[in-house]
Structure formats: structure tokens, C-alpha cells
C-alpha atoms as a PDB file:
ATOM      1  CA  UNK A   1     -86.983  13.002 213.332  1.00  0.00           C
ATOM      2  CA  UNK A   2     -89.084  11.950 216.676  1.00  0.00           C
ATOM      3  CA  UNK A   3     -87.018  12.881 220.125  1.00  0.00           C
ATOM      4  CA  UNK A   4     -84.962  15.695 218.570  1.00  0.00           C
ATOM      5  CA  UNK A   5     -84.953  18.775 218.755  1.00  0.00           C
ATOM      6  CA  UNK A   6     -86.820  20.927 216.162  1.00  0.00           C
ATOM      7  CA  UNK A   7     -85.801  24.718 215.368  1.00  0.00           C
ATOM      8  CA  UNK A   8     -87.917  26.957 213.941  1.00  0.00           C
ATOM      9  CA  UNK A   9     -86.839  30.667 211.871  1.00  0.00           C
ATOM     10  CA  UNK A  10     -89.849  32.422 210.430  1.00  0.00           C
ATOM     11  CA  UNK A  11     -88.552  35.843 208.361  1.00  0.00           C
ATOM     12  CA  UNK A  12     -90.113  38.041 206.115  1.00  0.00           C
ATOM     13  CA  UNK A  13     -88.441  37.077 202.682  1.00  0.00           C
ATOM     14  CA  UNK A  14     -87.305  34.152 201.015  1.00  0.00           C
ATOM     15  CA  UNK A  15     -83.784  35.713 200.734  1.00  0.00           C
ATOM     16  CA  UNK A  16     -83.873  36.631 204.692  1.00  0.00           C
ATOM     17  CA  UNK A  17     -84.750  33.101 204.791  1.00  0.00           C
ATOM     18  CA  UNK A  18     -81.916  31.297 202.821  1.00  0.00           C
ATOM     19  CA  UNK A  19     -79.443  33.761 204.802  1.00  0.00           C
ATOM     20  CA  UNK A  20     -80.594  32.468 208.193  1.00  0.00           C
ATOM     21  CA  UNK A  21     -80.919  28.544 206.921  1.00  0.00           C
ATOM     22  CA  UNK A  22     -77.108  29.178 205.310  1.00  0.00           C
ATOM     23  CA  UNK A  23     -75.668  30.502 209.029  1.00  0.00           C
ATOM     24  CA  UNK A  24     -77.563  28.184 210.624  1.00  0.00           C
ATOM     25  CA  UNK A  25     -76.691  24.765 209.050  1.00  0.00           C
ATOM     26  CA  UNK A  26     -72.833  26.590 208.763  1.00  0.00           C
ATOM     27  CA  UNK A  27     -72.546  26.988 212.995  1.00  0.00           C
ATOM     28  CA  UNK A  28     -73.908  23.957 214.445  1.00  0.00           C
ATOM     29  CA  UNK A  29     -74.358  20.123 213.678  1.00  0.00           C
ATOM     30  CA  UNK A  30     -78.443  20.460 212.505  1.00  0.00           C
ATOM     31  CA  UNK A  31     -80.168  19.247 209.212  1.00  0.00           C
ATOM     32  CA  UNK A  32     -82.279  21.468 207.263  1.00  0.00           C
ATOM     33  CA  UNK A  33     -85.710  19.735 207.033  1.00  0.00           C
ATOM     34  CA  UNK A  34     -87.189  22.328 204.966  1.00  0.00           C
ATOM     35  CA  UNK A  35     -89.080  25.643 204.510  1.00  0.00           C
ATOM     36  CA  UNK A  36     -92.352  26.822 204.757  1.00  0.00           C
ATOM     37  CA  UNK A  37     -94.002  29.427 202.724  1.00  0.00           C
ATOM     38  CA  UNK A  38     -97.500  30.971 205.216  1.00  0.00           C
ATOM     39  CA  UNK A  39     -99.733  32.295 202.614  1.00  0.00           C
ATOM     40  CA  UNK A  40     -99.938  35.822 202.425  1.00  0.00           C
ATOM     41  CA  UNK A  41     -97.932  38.781 203.814  1.00  0.00           C
ATOM     42  CA  UNK A  42     -94.853  36.789 202.586  1.00  0.00           C
ATOM     43  CA  UNK A  43     -93.099  34.911 205.688  1.00  0.00           C
ATOM     44  CA  UNK A  44     -90.971  31.686 205.240  1.00  0.00           C
ATOM     45  CA  UNK A  45     -90.358  29.677 207.740  1.00  0.00           C
ATOM     46  CA  UNK A  46     -86.860  27.727 208.076  1.00  0.00           C
ATOM     47  CA  UNK A  47     -87.032  24.014 209.965  1.00  0.00           C
ATOM     48  CA  UNK A  48     -84.309  22.498 211.386  1.00  0.00           C
ATOM     49  CA  UNK A  49     -83.474  19.709 213.696  1.00  0.00           C
ATOM     50  CA  UNK A  50     -80.920  18.695 215.736  1.00  0.00           C
ATOM     51  CA  UNK A  51     -79.241  18.144 219.240  1.00  0.00           C
ATOM     52  CA  UNK A  52     -80.575  20.749 221.965  1.00  0.00           C
ATOM     53  CA  UNK A  53     -77.430  22.689 222.172  1.00  0.00           C
ATOM     54  CA  UNK A  54     -76.260  22.328 218.788  1.00  0.00           C
ATOM     55  CA  UNK A  55     -80.384  23.750 217.732  1.00  0.00           C
ATOM     56  CA  UNK A  56     -80.140  26.729 220.367  1.00  0.00           C
ATOM     57  CA  UNK A  57     -76.351  28.026 219.077  1.00  0.00           C
ATOM     58  CA  UNK A  58     -77.973  27.230 215.271  1.00  0.00           C
ATOM     59  CA  UNK A  59     -81.101  29.270 215.730  1.00  0.00           C
ATOM     60  CA  UNK A  60     -78.875  32.134 217.756  1.00  0.00           C
ATOM     61  CA  UNK A  61     -76.844  31.955 214.992  1.00  0.00           C
ATOM     62  CA  UNK A  62     -79.343  32.024 211.963  1.00  0.00           C
ATOM     63  CA  UNK A  63     -81.515  34.874 213.514  1.00  0.00           C
ATOM     64  CA  UNK A  64     -78.534  37.144 213.741  1.00  0.00           C
ATOM     65  CA  UNK A  65     -77.529  36.702 210.365  1.00  0.00           C
ATOM     66  CA  UNK A  66     -80.746  37.736 209.331  1.00  0.00           C
ATOM     67  CA  UNK A  67     -81.763  40.043 211.379  1.00  0.00           C
ATOM     68  CA  UNK A  68     -78.454  41.954 208.999  1.00  0.00           C
ATOM     69  CA  UNK A  69     -80.135  41.274 206.098  1.00  0.00           C
ATOM     70  CA  UNK A  70     -83.939  41.723 206.750  1.00  0.00           C
ATOM     71  CA  UNK A  71     -86.265  41.157 209.532  1.00  0.00           C
ATOM     72  CA  UNK A  72     -87.252  38.120 211.633  1.00  0.00           C
ATOM     73  CA  UNK A  73     -90.490  37.816 212.233  1.00  0.00           C
ATOM     74  CA  UNK A  74     -90.084  34.916 215.182  1.00  0.00           C
ATOM     75  CA  UNK A  75     -88.120  31.876 216.277  1.00  0.00           C
ATOM     76  CA  UNK A  76     -88.622  29.157 218.583  1.00  0.00           C
ATOM     77  CA  UNK A  77     -86.385  25.823 219.718  1.00  0.00           C
ATOM     78  CA  UNK A  78     -88.663  23.072 220.549  1.00  0.00           C
ATOM     79  CA  UNK A  79     -86.743  20.033 222.444  1.00  0.00           C
ATOM     80  CA  UNK A  80     -87.577  16.783 221.644  1.00  0.00           C
ATOM     81  CA  UNK A  81     -90.378  16.547 219.666  1.00  0.00           C
ATOM     82  CA  UNK A  82     -93.163  13.881 220.539  1.00  0.00           C
ATOM     83  CA  UNK A  83     -93.719  10.997 217.660  1.00  0.00           C
ATOM     84  CA  UNK A  84     -97.176  12.456 216.992  1.00  0.00           C
ATOM     85  CA  UNK A  85     -95.435  15.861 215.045  1.00  0.00           C
ATOM     86  CA  UNK A  86     -93.507  14.396 213.022  1.00  0.00           C
ATOM     87  CA  UNK A  87     -95.938  14.823 210.178  1.00  0.00           C
ATOM     88  CA  UNK A  88     -96.904  18.691 211.116  1.00  0.00           C
ATOM     89  CA  UNK A  89     -92.676  19.124 210.577  1.00  0.00           C
ATOM     90  CA  UNK A  90     -92.359  17.879 207.293  1.00  0.00           C
ATOM     91  CA  UNK A  91     -95.704  18.118 205.518  1.00  0.00           C
ATOM     92  CA  UNK A  92     -96.787  18.285 202.219  1.00  0.00           C
ATOM     93  CA  UNK A  93     -96.131  21.962 201.955  1.00  0.00           C
ATOM     94  CA  UNK A  94     -92.645  21.989 203.259  1.00  0.00           C
ATOM     95  CA  UNK A  95     -90.186  22.872 200.447  1.00  0.00           C
ATOM     96  CA  UNK A  96     -86.664  21.368 199.812  1.00  0.00           C
ATOM     97  CA  UNK A  97     -85.668  18.247 201.542  1.00  0.00           C
ATOM     98  CA  UNK A  98     -88.129  15.435 200.951  1.00  0.00           C
ATOM     99  CA  UNK A  99     -89.478  13.608 204.137  1.00  0.00           C
ATOM    100  CA  UNK A 100     -87.195  10.441 204.641  1.00  0.00           C
ATOM    101  CA  UNK A 101     -89.759   7.803 202.899  1.00  0.00           C
ATOM    102  CA  UNK A 102     -89.993   4.528 205.763  1.00  0.00           C
ATOM    103  CA  UNK A 103     -87.899   1.889 204.863  1.00  0.00           C
ATOM    104  CA  UNK A 104     -89.950  -1.324 204.101  1.00  0.00           C
ATOM    105  CA  UNK A 105     -90.011  -4.281 206.185  1.00  0.00           C
ATOM    106  CA  UNK A 106     -86.941  -6.542 205.612  1.00  0.00           C
ATOM    107  CA  UNK A 107     -87.759  -9.744 203.952  1.00  0.00           C
ATOM    108  CA  UNK A 108     -86.220 -13.220 205.114  1.00  0.00           C
ATOM    109  CA  UNK A 109     -83.368 -14.370 203.406  1.00  0.00           C
ATOM    110  CA  UNK A 110     -83.223 -18.586 203.571  1.00  0.00           C
ATOM    111  CA  UNK A 111     -80.363 -19.584 205.887  1.00  0.00           C
ATOM    112  CA  UNK A 112     -77.348 -20.249 203.794  1.00  0.00           C
ATOM    113  CA  UNK A 113     -75.459 -23.779 204.033  1.00  0.00           C
ATOM    114  CA  UNK A 114     -71.352 -23.110 204.908  1.00  0.00           C
ATOM    115  CA  UNK A 115     -69.514 -26.284 202.477  1.00  0.00           C
ATOM    116  CA  UNK A 116     -67.286 -27.652 205.150  1.00  0.00           C
ATOM    117  CA  UNK A 117     -63.808 -28.190 204.134  1.00  0.00           C
ATOM    118  CA  UNK A 118     -60.482 -30.009 204.843  1.00  0.00           C
ATOM    119  CA  UNK A 119     -61.627 -32.065 207.486  1.00  0.00           C
ATOM    120  CA  UNK A 120     -59.484 -35.407 208.830  1.00  0.00           C
ATOM    121  CA  UNK A 121     -60.746 -38.121 210.429  1.00  0.00           C
ATOM    122  CA  UNK A 122     -59.665 -38.502 213.936  1.00  0.00           C
ATOM    123  CA  UNK A 123     -57.392 -41.703 213.114  1.00  0.00           C
ATOM    124  CA  UNK A 124     -55.306 -39.635 210.922  1.00  0.00           C
ATOM    125  CA  UNK A 125     -54.035 -36.992 213.607  1.00  0.00           C
ATOM    126  CA  UNK A 126     -51.289 -36.701 215.717  1.00  0.00           C
ATOM    127  CA  UNK A 127     -51.107 -37.777 218.881  1.00  0.00           C
ATOM    128  CA  UNK A 128     -49.663 -34.893 221.216  1.00  0.00           C
ATOM    129  CA  UNK A 129     -47.647 -38.044 222.354  1.00  0.00           C
ATOM    130  CA  UNK A 130     -46.092 -38.838 219.222  1.00  0.00           C
ATOM    131  CA  UNK A 131     -44.532 -35.877 218.738  1.00  0.00           C
ATOM    132  CA  UNK A 132     -41.040 -35.525 217.947  1.00  0.00           C
ATOM    133  CA  UNK A 133     -38.348 -33.285 218.965  1.00  0.00           C
ATOM    134  CA  UNK A 134     -36.286 -31.692 216.515  1.00  0.00           C
ATOM    135  CA  UNK A 135     -32.573 -31.248 217.429  1.00  0.00           C
ATOM    136  CA  UNK A 136     -32.111 -27.437 218.766  1.00  0.00           C
ATOM    137  CA  UNK A 137     -30.020 -24.572 218.433  1.00  0.00           C
ATOM    138  CA  UNK A 138     -26.982 -25.689 220.280  1.00  0.00           C
ATOM    139  CA  UNK A 139     -25.931 -23.404 223.119  1.00  0.00           C
ATOM    140  CA  UNK A 140     -22.437 -21.525 223.966  1.00  0.00           C
ATOM    141  CA  UNK A 141     -20.339 -23.102 226.687  1.00  0.00           C
ATOM    142  CA  UNK A 142     -20.139 -20.835 229.180  1.00  0.00           C
ATOM    143  CA  UNK A 143     -24.361 -20.702 228.907  1.00  0.00           C
ATOM    144  CA  UNK A 144     -24.299 -25.022 228.510  1.00  0.00           C
ATOM    145  CA  UNK A 145     -22.345 -25.097 231.938  1.00  0.00           C
ATOM    146  CA  UNK A 146     -24.049 -26.373 235.315  1.00  0.00           C
ATOM    147  CA  UNK A 147     -24.481 -23.133 237.518  1.00  0.00           C
ATOM    148  CA  UNK A 148     -22.578 -22.336 240.242  1.00  0.00           C
ATOM    149  CA  UNK A 149     -23.492 -24.053 243.009  1.00  0.00           C
ATOM    150  CA  UNK A 150     -22.359 -20.987 245.591  1.00  0.00           C
ATOM    151  CA  UNK A 151     -25.221 -19.052 243.873  1.00  0.00           C
ATOM    152  CA  UNK A 152     -28.011 -21.177 243.496  1.00  0.00           C
ATOM    153  CA  UNK A 153     -30.237 -21.444 246.961  1.00  0.00           C
ATOM    154  CA  UNK A 154     -32.538 -24.730 247.337  1.00  0.00           C
ATOM    155  CA  UNK A 155     -35.842 -24.084 246.929  1.00  0.00           C
ATOM    156  CA  UNK A 156     -37.870 -24.626 250.345  1.00  0.00           C
ATOM    157  CA  UNK A 157     -34.651 -23.309 252.176  1.00  0.00           C
ATOM    158  CA  UNK A 158     -35.038 -19.289 253.485  1.00  0.00           C
ATOM    159  CA  UNK A 159     -32.969 -16.464 252.961  1.00  0.00           C
ATOM    160  CA  UNK A 160     -30.058 -15.657 256.295  1.00  0.00           C
ATOM    161  CA  UNK A 161     -29.168 -12.162 255.986  1.00  0.00           C
ATOM    162  CA  UNK A 162     -25.582 -12.417 255.319  1.00  0.00           C
ATOM    163  CA  UNK A 163     -24.651  -9.312 257.920  1.00  0.00           C
ATOM    164  CA  UNK A 164     -26.653  -8.716 260.695  1.00  0.00           C
ATOM    165  CA  UNK A 165     -25.619  -5.604 261.807  1.00  0.00           C
ATOM    166  CA  UNK A 166     -25.843  -4.190 258.364  1.00  0.00           C
ATOM    167  CA  UNK A 167     -29.687  -5.121 258.486  1.00  0.00           C
ATOM    168  CA  UNK A 168     -30.340  -3.501 261.729  1.00  0.00           C
ATOM    169  CA  UNK A 169     -28.324   0.217 260.661  1.00  0.00           C
ATOM    170  CA  UNK A 170     -30.640  -0.240 257.442  1.00  0.00           C
ATOM    171  CA  UNK A 171     -33.612  -1.097 259.463  1.00  0.00           C
ATOM    172  CA  UNK A 172     -33.064   2.556 261.947  1.00  0.00           C
ATOM    173  CA  UNK A 173     -32.213   4.468 258.967  1.00  0.00           C
ATOM    174  CA  UNK A 174     -35.649   3.943 257.444  1.00  0.00           C
ATOM    175  CA  UNK A 175     -37.316   4.530 261.123  1.00  0.00           C
ATOM    176  CA  UNK A 176     -35.574   7.837 261.420  1.00  0.00           C
ATOM    177  CA  UNK A 177     -36.384   8.339 257.959  1.00  0.00           C
ATOM    178  CA  UNK A 178     -40.275   8.177 258.474  1.00  0.00           C
ATOM    179  CA  UNK A 179     -39.925   9.807 262.240  1.00  0.00           C
ATOM    180  CA  UNK A 180     -39.150  13.278 260.178  1.00  0.00           C
ATOM    181  CA  UNK A 181     -41.207  12.872 257.165  1.00  0.00           C
ATOM    182  CA  UNK A 182     -44.088  12.812 260.265  1.00  0.00           C
ATOM    183  CA  UNK A 183     -42.695  15.756 261.971  1.00  0.00           C
ATOM    184  CA  UNK A 184     -42.356  17.929 259.093  1.00  0.00           C
ATOM    185  CA  UNK A 185     -46.034  17.005 257.964  1.00  0.00           C
ATOM    186  CA  UNK A 186     -47.379  18.923 261.620  1.00  0.00           C
END
């Protein structure tokens, strides 16, 4: 609970407090810690915890709903409560949700052993060189034939343009297109 925001709504009467708590919890993602009856004058304090933004929305909604039913005495949102005030928030006089018990320390569990199964010795394992090729799928005659030598270019050879005038014309078209694009931007 420490580090979260605390929302308090103090009302006159338990019915008004229940209405405030109902509206606050329904309006935002907050948790109800409980309620506390004050000594004398019928004041009831609702205690909520949650994130800061959600707490502001929840307290505002709770105060608005409680004001329609009865009288709201005071309200307050405290952002990021300190560690030492947890006992004040969920005290023995707080009714409703019991304070969260502290978890006992975890008992040490002995290391479990895992059984080793299906181990083969290195002498039994096959070598990657002992791989036998299985007969493959036969290819159709059109795919199995040798590639056309006119379509295959040697690896080290450079590609020569087929028609130099066509290449130059393409380059000139690209150059003029770039010039037109630059002129339209200005």
C-alpha cells in the first residue's frame, strides 16, 4: 500500500459514506481499504487506495454522489503515501476490508534432481559424413534440362548495356524529371 495514493472522504452518516464509496469504486480503478467511524457527531471516513489520477477521479465522483444524498464533511487525496503511515491507514478501528497480512518468508526447497533419459553413447551416434542420400523426386523434362547458355551470364563478367542510345535517353528523361520537380518546389 505504501507508494500508492490515499483518498479520504468524510461524511455525516453511514448511508452517505456507503454512497460515496460505491460511486468512487465504480468510477475509477481504486481499492476500498475500509471505513472508520469517528467518535461522536456521526462522522464516517472512507479510505481508498490507488494511482494518483484514478484517486482524484474517484474522490471527485464519491463527493458528488454523497452530496446528493447527504452532507460531505471533508475530502482529501494524498499522493504517494510514505511507508510509515500504513499502520494509520489500515488501523484496528478501520472496518471493512482487513489489512493485508504480511507473507511469511519462503521456506527453502531442496534442489531437485532430474533424471537423465535417452542418452546414446558417442560410438552409437552417426557421423555427418555417413549420411545416405535418399532417392529424390524426379523433375519434369523441362526443368531437368540444361539452362539456355544465352540467358546465363558468367559470374565475373560485367553486364553491358544492349543499346547505349536507349540508356542515354533514359538518363536524360530522369534528369529532366528531377529538374522539373525541383522547379515546382520553389
